[in-house]
Amino acid sequence: MASQIQALWGLLLSRWPVLITDGTAARLLEQTATDLGAMGADGVYGSGFINLVQAFQPIGSITTQTSSGGTITLSSTSGTSA
């Protein structure tokens, strides 16, 4: 299962490389997962089933820090800054 998660994480980062900062890509995958079993994270299904389609949909804007110390806000599926 871990190799599948890594592959999906890689797809997300190939689209938006800036998401590697501070675990943003991992948080995005977790927040867009389809909940299974008991509501919320649980011992059987963890955070649920990764929903890559949902992860690629706009869910508002994401602000992250650049390597030069500035910030960039992503707010579209094109990966362009706002």
PDB file of N, CA and C in Angstrom:
ATOM      1  N   MET A   1       0.820  -1.193   0.000  1.00  0.00           N
ATOM      2  CA  MET A   1       0.000   0.000   0.000  1.00  0.00           C
ATOM      3  C   MET A   1       0.866   1.259   0.000  1.00  0.00           C
ATOM      4  N   ALA A   2       1.965   1.244   0.700  1.00  0.00           N
ATOM      5  CA  ALA A   2       2.812   2.439   0.767  1.00  0.00           C
ATOM      6  C   ALA A   2       3.314   2.846  -0.608  1.00  0.00           C
ATOM      7  N   SER A   3       3.595   1.871  -1.493  1.00  0.00           N
ATOM      8  CA  SER A   3       4.073   2.219  -2.832  1.00  0.00           C
ATOM      9  C   SER A   3       2.973   2.917  -3.640  1.00  0.00           C
ATOM     10  N   GLN A   4       1.707   2.557  -3.415  1.00  0.00           N
ATOM     11  CA  GLN A   4       0.605   3.220  -4.101  1.00  0.00           C
ATOM     12  C   GLN A   4       0.478   4.668  -3.627  1.00  0.00           C
ATOM     13  N   ILE A   5       0.634   4.867  -2.340  1.00  0.00           N
ATOM     14  CA  ILE A   5       0.563   6.228  -1.789  1.00  0.00           C
ATOM     15  C   ILE A   5       1.702   7.070  -2.348  1.00  0.00           C
ATOM     16  N   GLN A   6       2.898   6.487  -2.413  1.00  0.00           N
ATOM     17  CA  GLN A   6       4.039   7.228  -2.961  1.00  0.00           C
ATOM     18  C   GLN A   6       3.796   7.603  -4.422  1.00  0.00           C
ATOM     19  N   ALA A   7       3.198   6.698  -5.181  1.00  0.00           N
ATOM     20  CA  ALA A   7       2.933   6.976  -6.593  1.00  0.00           C
ATOM     21  C   ALA A   7       1.922   8.116  -6.735  1.00  0.00           C
ATOM     22  N   LEU A   8       0.867   8.081  -5.947  1.00  0.00           N
ATOM     23  CA  LEU A   8      -0.137   9.140  -6.006  1.00  0.00           C
ATOM     24  C   LEU A   8       0.433  10.469  -5.530  1.00  0.00           C
ATOM     25  N   TRP A   9       1.265  10.422  -4.489  1.00  0.00           N
ATOM     26  CA  TRP A   9       1.945  11.624  -3.988  1.00  0.00           C
ATOM     27  C   TRP A   9       2.819  12.199  -5.098  1.00  0.00           C
ATOM     28  N   GLY A  10       3.524  11.311  -5.816  1.00  0.00           N
ATOM     29  CA  GLY A  10       4.379  11.750  -6.918  1.00  0.00           C
ATOM     30  C   GLY A  10       3.599  12.421  -8.039  1.00  0.00           C
ATOM     31  N   LEU A  11       2.416  11.883  -8.361  1.00  0.00           N
ATOM     32  CA  LEU A  11       1.568  12.509  -9.378  1.00  0.00           C
ATOM     33  C   LEU A  11       1.172  13.921  -8.963  1.00  0.00           C
ATOM     34  N   LEU A  12       0.796  14.056  -7.717  1.00  0.00           N
ATOM     35  CA  LEU A  12       0.396  15.371  -7.205  1.00  0.00           C
ATOM     36  C   LEU A  12       1.563  16.349  -7.257  1.00  0.00           C
ATOM     37  N   LEU A  13       2.740  15.895  -6.858  1.00  0.00           N
ATOM     38  CA  LEU A  13       3.914  16.775  -6.876  1.00  0.00           C
ATOM     39  C   LEU A  13       4.394  17.081  -8.290  1.00  0.00           C
ATOM     40  N   SER A  14       4.156  16.161  -9.223  1.00  0.00           N
ATOM     41  CA  SER A  14       4.560  16.448 -10.602  1.00  0.00           C
ATOM     42  C   SER A  14       3.717  17.580 -11.181  1.00  0.00           C
ATOM     43  N   ARG A  15       2.491  17.709 -10.701  1.00  0.00           N
ATOM     44  CA  ARG A  15       1.602  18.791 -11.149  1.00  0.00           C
ATOM     45  C   ARG A  15       1.929  20.101 -10.446  1.00  0.00           C
ATOM     46  N   TRP A  16       2.155  20.034  -9.128  1.00  0.00           N
ATOM     47  CA  TRP A  16       2.435  21.212  -8.312  1.00  0.00           C
ATOM     48  C   TRP A  16       3.658  20.953  -7.427  1.00  0.00           C
ATOM     49  N   PRO A  17       4.868  21.081  -7.944  1.00  0.00           N
ATOM     50  CA  PRO A  17       6.073  20.798  -7.165  1.00  0.00           C
ATOM     51  C   PRO A  17       6.191  21.603  -5.876  1.00  0.00           C
ATOM     52  N   VAL A  18       5.578  22.772  -5.817  1.00  0.00           N
ATOM     53  CA  VAL A  18       5.677  23.614  -4.633  1.00  0.00           C
ATOM     54  C   VAL A  18       4.995  22.952  -3.426  1.00  0.00           C
ATOM     55  N   LEU A  19       4.130  21.979  -3.652  1.00  0.00           N
ATOM     56  CA  LEU A  19       3.419  21.325  -2.548  1.00  0.00           C
ATOM     57  C   LEU A  19       4.316  20.455  -1.676  1.00  0.00           C
ATOM     58  N   ILE A  20       5.562  20.240  -2.072  1.00  0.00           N
ATOM     59  CA  ILE A  20       6.465  19.439  -1.249  1.00  0.00           C
ATOM     60  C   ILE A  20       6.820  20.155   0.058  1.00  0.00           C
ATOM     61  N   THR A  21       6.669  21.475   0.084  1.00  0.00           N
ATOM     62  CA  THR A  21       7.031  22.284   1.247  1.00  0.00           C
ATOM     63  C   THR A  21       6.188  21.935   2.464  1.00  0.00           C
ATOM     64  N   ASP A  22       6.836  21.680   3.575  1.00  0.00           N
ATOM     65  CA  ASP A  22       6.189  21.488   4.880  1.00  0.00           C
ATOM     66  C   ASP A  22       5.064  20.455   4.895  1.00  0.00           C
ATOM     67  N   GLY A  23       5.171  19.417   4.087  1.00  0.00           N
ATOM     68  CA  GLY A  23       4.167  18.364   4.105  1.00  0.00           C
ATOM     69  C   GLY A  23       2.826  18.755   3.508  1.00  0.00           C
ATOM     70  N   THR A  24       2.797  19.795   2.708  1.00  0.00           N
ATOM     71  CA  THR A  24       1.540  20.269   2.144  1.00  0.00           C
ATOM     72  C   THR A  24       0.870  19.204   1.281  1.00  0.00           C
ATOM     73  N   ALA A  25       1.635  18.484   0.459  1.00  0.00           N
ATOM     74  CA  ALA A  25       1.052  17.446  -0.403  1.00  0.00           C
ATOM     75  C   ALA A  25       0.440  16.335   0.435  1.00  0.00           C
ATOM     76  N   ALA A  26       1.124  15.923   1.481  1.00  0.00           N
ATOM     77  CA  ALA A  26       0.595  14.867   2.351  1.00  0.00           C
ATOM     78  C   ALA A  26      -0.694  15.322   3.024  1.00  0.00           C
ATOM     79  N   ARG A  27      -0.734  16.557   3.499  1.00  0.00           N
ATOM     80  CA  ARG A  27      -1.957  17.096   4.119  1.00  0.00           C
ATOM     81  C   ARG A  27      -3.098  17.151   3.121  1.00  0.00           C
ATOM     82  N   LEU A  28      -2.800  17.543   1.891  1.00  0.00           N
ATOM     83  CA  LEU A  28      -3.818  17.622   0.856  1.00  0.00           C
ATOM     84  C   LEU A  28      -4.403  16.245   0.573  1.00  0.00           C
ATOM     85  N   LEU A  29      -3.542  15.229   0.458  1.00  0.00           N
ATOM     86  CA  LEU A  29      -4.039  13.869   0.232  1.00  0.00           C
ATOM     87  C   LEU A  29      -4.891  13.393   1.403  1.00  0.00           C
ATOM     88  N   GLU A  30      -4.477  13.706   2.604  1.00  0.00           N
ATOM     89  CA  GLU A  30      -5.235  13.294   3.787  1.00  0.00           C
ATOM     90  C   GLU A  30      -6.582  14.015   3.862  1.00  0.00           C
ATOM     91  N   GLN A  31      -6.599  15.300   3.583  1.00  0.00           N
ATOM     92  CA  GLN A  31      -7.827  16.092   3.685  1.00  0.00           C
ATOM     93  C   GLN A  31      -8.844  15.754   2.601  1.00  0.00           C
ATOM     94  N   THR A  32      -8.383  15.233   1.469  1.00  0.00           N
ATOM     95  CA  THR A  32      -9.304  14.917   0.381  1.00  0.00           C
ATOM     96  C   THR A  32      -9.625  13.431   0.307  1.00  0.00           C
ATOM     97  N   ALA A  33      -9.122  12.642   1.249  1.00  0.00           N
ATOM     98  CA  ALA A  33      -9.404  11.205   1.266  1.00  0.00           C
ATOM     99  C   ALA A  33     -10.882  10.953   1.536  1.00  0.00           C
ATOM    100  N   THR A  34     -11.401   9.867   0.980  1.00  0.00           N
ATOM    101  CA  THR A  34     -12.776   9.454   1.224  1.00  0.00           C
ATOM    102  C   THR A  34     -12.803   8.671   2.533  1.00  0.00           C
ATOM    103  N   ASP A  35     -13.570   9.153   3.495  1.00  0.00           N
ATOM    104  CA  ASP A  35     -13.623   8.530   4.819  1.00  0.00           C
ATOM    105  C   ASP A  35     -14.262   7.142   4.727  1.00  0.00           C
ATOM    106  N   LEU A  36     -13.652   6.169   5.359  1.00  0.00           N
ATOM    107  CA  LEU A  36     -14.175   4.801   5.427  1.00  0.00           C
ATOM    108  C   LEU A  36     -14.292   4.400   6.889  1.00  0.00           C
ATOM    109  N   GLY A  37     -15.189   3.473   7.183  1.00  0.00           N
ATOM    110  CA  GLY A  37     -15.325   2.986   8.553  1.00  0.00           C
ATOM    111  C   GLY A  37     -15.858   4.053   9.483  1.00  0.00           C
ATOM    112  N   ALA A  38     -15.355   4.035  10.721  1.00  0.00           N
ATOM    113  CA  ALA A  38     -15.770   5.026  11.719  1.00  0.00           C
ATOM    114  C   ALA A  38     -15.413   6.426  11.231  1.00  0.00           C
ATOM    115  N   MET A  39     -16.231   7.405  11.611  1.00  0.00           N
ATOM    116  CA  MET A  39     -16.007   8.784  11.173  1.00  0.00           C
ATOM    117  C   MET A  39     -14.635   9.278  11.635  1.00  0.00           C
ATOM    118  N   GLY A  40     -13.911   9.907  10.725  1.00  0.00           N
ATOM    119  CA  GLY A  40     -12.573  10.407  11.040  1.00  0.00           C
ATOM    120  C   GLY A  40     -11.533   9.304  10.924  1.00  0.00           C
ATOM    121  N   ALA A  41     -10.330   9.613  11.329  1.00  0.00           N
ATOM    122  CA  ALA A  41      -9.246   8.624  11.284  1.00  0.00           C
ATOM    123  C   ALA A  41      -9.526   7.514  12.299  1.00  0.00           C
ATOM    124  N   ASP A  42      -9.266   6.283  11.893  1.00  0.00           N
ATOM    125  CA  ASP A  42      -9.489   5.157  12.797  1.00  0.00           C
ATOM    126  C   ASP A  42      -8.397   4.110  12.602  1.00  0.00           C
ATOM    127  N   GLY A  43      -8.389   3.114  13.467  1.00  0.00           N
ATOM    128  CA  GLY A  43      -7.352   2.089  13.451  1.00  0.00           C
ATOM    129  C   GLY A  43      -7.455   1.103  12.307  1.00  0.00           C
ATOM    130  N   VAL A  44      -8.599   1.007  11.653  1.00  0.00           N
ATOM    131  CA  VAL A  44      -8.784   0.060  10.558  1.00  0.00           C
ATOM    132  C   VAL A  44      -8.437   0.692   9.215  1.00  0.00           C
ATOM    133  N   TYR A  45      -9.002   1.851   8.936  1.00  0.00           N
ATOM    134  CA  TYR A  45      -8.834   2.493   7.628  1.00  0.00           C
ATOM    135  C   TYR A  45      -7.935   3.725   7.660  1.00  0.00           C
ATOM    136  N   GLY A  46      -7.413   4.078   8.805  1.00  0.00           N
ATOM    137  CA  GLY A  46      -6.590   5.279   8.904  1.00  0.00           C
ATOM    138  C   GLY A  46      -7.400   6.509   8.532  1.00  0.00           C
ATOM    139  N   SER A  47      -6.894   7.295   7.593  1.00  0.00           N
ATOM    140  CA  SER A  47      -7.601   8.507   7.154  1.00  0.00           C
ATOM    141  C   SER A  47      -8.575   8.220   6.024  1.00  0.00           C
ATOM    142  N   GLY A  48      -8.644   6.975   5.570  1.00  0.00           N
ATOM    143  CA  GLY A  48      -9.588   6.608   4.523  1.00  0.00           C
ATOM    144  C   GLY A  48      -8.907   6.232   3.227  1.00  0.00           C
ATOM    145  N   PHE A  49      -9.665   6.281   2.152  1.00  0.00           N
ATOM    146  CA  PHE A  49      -9.227   5.903   0.817  1.00  0.00           C
ATOM    147  C   PHE A  49      -8.766   7.145   0.078  1.00  0.00           C
ATOM    148  N   ILE A  50      -7.536   7.130  -0.416  1.00  0.00           N
ATOM    149  CA  ILE A  50      -7.014   8.297  -1.127  1.00  0.00           C
ATOM    150  C   ILE A  50      -7.874   8.562  -2.357  1.00  0.00           C
ATOM    151  N   ASN A  51      -8.325   9.786  -2.489  1.00  0.00           N
ATOM    152  CA  ASN A  51      -9.178  10.199  -3.588  1.00  0.00           C
ATOM    153  C   ASN A  51      -8.386  11.199  -4.435  1.00  0.00           C
ATOM    154  N   LEU A  52      -7.635  10.672  -5.395  1.00  0.00           N
ATOM    155  CA  LEU A  52      -6.756  11.531  -6.193  1.00  0.00           C
ATOM    156  C   LEU A  52      -7.542  12.515  -7.045  1.00  0.00           C
ATOM    157  N   VAL A  53      -8.709  12.111  -7.524  1.00  0.00           N
ATOM    158  CA  VAL A  53      -9.544  13.034  -8.303  1.00  0.00           C
ATOM    159  C   VAL A  53      -9.889  14.249  -7.450  1.00  0.00           C
ATOM    160  N   GLN A  54     -10.299  14.003  -6.215  1.00  0.00           N
ATOM    161  CA  GLN A  54     -10.632  15.105  -5.313  1.00  0.00           C
ATOM    162  C   GLN A  54      -9.399  15.946  -4.988  1.00  0.00           C
ATOM    163  N   ALA A  55      -8.239  15.295  -4.845  1.00  0.00           N
ATOM    164  CA  ALA A  55      -7.004  16.018  -4.523  1.00  0.00           C
ATOM    165  C   ALA A  55      -6.610  16.991  -5.633  1.00  0.00           C
ATOM    166  N   PHE A  56      -6.997  16.681  -6.879  1.00  0.00           N
ATOM    167  CA  PHE A  56      -6.662  17.552  -7.997  1.00  0.00           C
ATOM    168  C   PHE A  56      -7.703  18.647  -8.226  1.00  0.00           C
ATOM    169  N   GLN A  57      -8.783  18.658  -7.461  1.00  0.00           N
ATOM    170  CA  GLN A  57      -9.816  19.674  -7.602  1.00  0.00           C
ATOM    171  C   GLN A  57      -9.472  20.887  -6.737  1.00  0.00           C
ATOM    172  N   PRO A  58      -9.848  22.069  -7.189  1.00  0.00           N
ATOM    173  CA  PRO A  58      -9.601  23.248  -6.358  1.00  0.00           C
ATOM    174  C   PRO A  58     -10.424  23.177  -5.075  1.00  0.00           C
ATOM    175  N   ILE A  59      -9.773  23.430  -3.951  1.00  0.00           N
ATOM    176  CA  ILE A  59     -10.467  23.421  -2.660  1.00  0.00           C
ATOM    177  C   ILE A  59     -10.231  24.740  -1.938  1.00  0.00           C
ATOM    178  N   GLY A  60     -10.034  25.773  -2.697  1.00  0.00           N
ATOM    179  CA  GLY A  60      -9.667  27.050  -2.106  1.00  0.00           C
ATOM    180  C   GLY A  60      -8.234  27.347  -2.502  1.00  0.00           C
ATOM    181  N   SER A  61      -7.572  28.123  -1.724  1.00  0.00           N
ATOM    182  CA  SER A  61      -6.189  28.445  -2.045  1.00  0.00           C
ATOM    183  C   SER A  61      -5.269  27.836  -1.003  1.00  0.00           C
ATOM    184  N   ILE A  62      -4.061  27.552  -1.435  1.00  0.00           N
ATOM    185  CA  ILE A  62      -3.032  27.019  -0.551  1.00  0.00           C
ATOM    186  C   ILE A  62      -1.858  27.982  -0.603  1.00  0.00           C
ATOM    187  N   THR A  63      -1.419  28.445   0.533  1.00  0.00           N
ATOM    188  CA  THR A  63      -0.256  29.323   0.607  1.00  0.00           C
ATOM    189  C   THR A  63       0.893  28.532   1.193  1.00  0.00           C
ATOM    190  N   THR A  64       2.022  28.598   0.526  1.00  0.00           N
ATOM    191  CA  THR A  64       3.202  27.875   0.990  1.00  0.00           C
ATOM    192  C   THR A  64       4.419  28.765   0.850  1.00  0.00           C
ATOM    193  N   GLN A  65       5.462  28.429   1.568  1.00  0.00           N
ATOM    194  CA  GLN A  65       6.681  29.237   1.545  1.00  0.00           C
ATOM    195  C   GLN A  65       7.606  28.734   0.456  1.00  0.00           C
ATOM    196  N   THR A  66       8.238  29.661  -0.253  1.00  0.00           N
ATOM    197  CA  THR A  66       9.199  29.304  -1.292  1.00  0.00           C
ATOM    198  C   THR A  66      10.579  29.118  -0.675  1.00  0.00           C
ATOM    199  N   SER A  67      11.479  28.546  -1.443  1.00  0.00           N
ATOM    200  CA  SER A  67      12.836  28.322  -0.938  1.00  0.00           C
ATOM    201  C   SER A  67      13.564  29.628  -0.644  1.00  0.00           C
ATOM    202  N   SER A  68      13.139  30.733  -1.259  1.00  0.00           N
ATOM    203  CA  SER A  68      13.787  32.023  -1.017  1.00  0.00           C
ATOM    204  C   SER A  68      13.175  32.774   0.164  1.00  0.00           C
ATOM    205  N   GLY A  69      12.174  32.139   0.828  1.00  0.00           N
ATOM    206  CA  GLY A  69      11.577  32.762   2.005  1.00  0.00           C
ATOM    207  C   GLY A  69      10.300  33.515   1.743  1.00  0.00           C
ATOM    208  N   GLY A  70       9.934  33.690   0.484  1.00  0.00           N
ATOM    209  CA  GLY A  70       8.677  34.358   0.162  1.00  0.00           C
ATOM    210  C   GLY A  70       7.520  33.378   0.261  1.00  0.00           C
ATOM    211  N   THR A  71       6.348  33.810  -0.084  1.00  0.00           N
ATOM    212  CA  THR A  71       5.198  32.923  -0.103  1.00  0.00           C
ATOM    213  C   THR A  71       4.547  32.945  -1.469  1.00  0.00           C
ATOM    214  N   ILE A  72       3.876  31.866  -1.783  1.00  0.00           N
ATOM    215  CA  ILE A  72       3.138  31.756  -3.036  1.00  0.00           C
ATOM    216  C   ILE A  72       1.769  31.159  -2.695  1.00  0.00           C
ATOM    217  N   THR A  73       0.738  31.682  -3.323  1.00  0.00           N
ATOM    218  CA  THR A  73      -0.618  31.186  -3.117  1.00  0.00           C
ATOM    219  C   THR A  73      -1.088  30.523  -4.402  1.00  0.00           C
ATOM    220  N   LEU A  74      -1.468  29.262  -4.280  1.00  0.00           N
ATOM    221  CA  LEU A  74      -2.016  28.525  -5.414  1.00  0.00           C
ATOM    222  C   LEU A  74      -3.516  28.496  -5.273  1.00  0.00           C
ATOM    223  N   SER A  75      -4.224  28.828  -6.326  1.00  0.00           N
ATOM    224  CA  SER A  75      -5.682  28.864  -6.213  1.00  0.00           C
ATOM    225  C   SER A  75      -6.389  28.310  -7.423  1.00  0.00           C
ATOM    226  N   SER A  76      -5.698  27.526  -8.248  1.00  0.00           N
ATOM    227  CA  SER A  76      -6.348  26.944  -9.417  1.00  0.00           C
ATOM    228  C   SER A  76      -5.704  25.606  -9.749  1.00  0.00           C
ATOM    229  N   THR A  77      -6.363  24.831 -10.581  1.00  0.00           N
ATOM    230  CA  THR A  77      -5.803  23.537 -10.978  1.00  0.00           C
ATOM    231  C   THR A  77      -4.673  23.678 -11.985  1.00  0.00           C
ATOM    232  N   SER A  78      -4.412  24.886 -12.473  1.00  0.00           N
ATOM    233  CA  SER A  78      -3.336  25.075 -13.435  1.00  0.00           C
ATOM    234  C   SER A  78      -1.974  25.137 -12.755  1.00  0.00           C
ATOM    235  N   GLY A  79      -1.967  25.300 -11.437  1.00  0.00           N
ATOM    236  CA  GLY A  79      -0.713  25.397 -10.712  1.00  0.00           C
ATOM    237  C   GLY A  79      -0.095  26.775 -10.770  1.00  0.00           C
ATOM    238  N   THR A  80      -0.822  27.742 -11.255  1.00  0.00           N
ATOM    239  CA  THR A  80      -0.284  29.095 -11.324  1.00  0.00           C
ATOM    240  C   THR A  80      -0.552  29.823 -10.014  1.00  0.00           C
ATOM    241  N   SER A  81       0.270  30.762  -9.715  1.00  0.00           N
ATOM    242  CA  SER A  81       0.083  31.513  -8.475  1.00  0.00           C
ATOM    243  C   SER A  81      -0.967  32.586  -8.658  1.00  0.00           C
ATOM    244  N   ALA A  82      -1.626  32.903  -7.554  1.00  0.00           N
ATOM    245  CA  ALA A  82      -2.675  33.938  -7.589  1.00  0.00           C
ATOM    246  C   ALA A  82      -2.077  35.302  -7.388  1.00  0.00           C
TER     247      ALA A  82
END
